[in-house]
Protein backbone atom coordinates (compact mmCIF):
# COMPACT_ATOMS: atom_id res chain seq x y z
CA MET A 1 29.46 -4.12 12.58
CA ALA A 2 25.76 -3.64 13.36
CA LYS A 3 23.69 -1.48 11.06
CA PRO A 4 22.30 1.62 12.83
CA ARG A 5 18.53 1.63 13.36
CA THR A 6 16.60 4.31 11.53
CA MET A 7 13.08 3.15 12.45
CA TYR A 8 12.06 3.07 16.09
CA GLY A 9 8.41 2.06 16.16
CA ARG A 10 5.95 -0.33 14.60
CA LYS A 11 2.24 0.27 14.33
CA MET A 12 -0.23 -2.35 13.23
CA VAL A 13 -3.54 -1.09 11.88
CA SER A 14 -6.53 -2.63 10.17
CA LEU A 15 -7.91 -0.75 7.18
CA PRO A 16 -11.20 -1.00 5.31
CA GLU A 17 -10.98 -2.60 1.86
CA VAL A 18 -11.52 0.72 0.06
CA MET A 19 -8.71 2.41 1.99
CA CYS A 20 -6.36 -0.49 1.22
CA ARG A 21 -7.06 -0.05 -2.48
CA GLU A 22 -6.48 3.70 -2.21
CA VAL A 23 -3.14 3.14 -0.49
CA ASP A 24 -2.14 0.71 -3.25
CA GLU A 25 -3.17 3.21 -5.94
CA TYR A 26 -1.17 5.97 -4.19
CA ARG A 27 1.84 3.67 -3.86
CA PHE A 28 1.93 2.73 -7.53
CA ALA A 29 1.07 6.23 -8.80
CA HIS A 30 4.00 7.65 -6.81
CA ARG A 31 6.31 4.71 -7.49
CA PHE A 32 7.08 3.82 -3.89
CA ARG A 33 9.24 0.71 -3.51
CA ASN A 34 7.00 -0.75 -0.83
CA GLU A 35 3.77 -0.21 1.05
CA SER A 36 5.55 0.96 4.21
CA ASP A 37 7.17 3.89 2.38
CA ALA A 38 3.80 4.87 0.90
CA LEU A 39 2.09 4.72 4.28
CA ARG A 40 4.84 6.81 5.91
CA SER A 41 4.43 9.41 3.16
CA LEU A 42 0.67 9.56 3.66
CA ILE A 43 1.03 9.83 7.44
CA GLU A 44 3.64 12.59 7.14
CA ALA A 45 1.37 14.53 4.75
CA GLY A 46 -1.57 14.14 7.11
CA LEU A 47 0.45 15.27 10.12
CA ARG A 48 1.75 18.34 8.22
CA PHE A 49 -1.83 19.14 7.17
CA MET A 50 -3.10 18.84 10.75
CA LYS A 51 -0.25 20.97 12.10
CA ALA A 52 -0.84 23.64 9.47
CA GLY A 53 -4.52 23.71 10.40
CA ALA A 54 -3.72 23.98 14.09
CA ASP A 55 -1.17 26.75 13.45
CA HIS A 56 -3.66 28.60 11.27
CA ALA A 57 -6.45 28.30 13.84
CA THR A 58 -4.30 29.82 16.61
CA ALA A 59 -3.03 32.72 14.49
């Protein structure tokens, strides 16, 4: 039986050296199993932050 897909998109980005190091530091400090999980966490946090700012600005 096929395993259900939980991920539906792939994004490829290039990052400056400093940002790569910061992602690695975040990953190890928060004990993520892999870089993809760390990047998803950072993106989710950034999106929540942006949404909260947009909600706050329109209130």
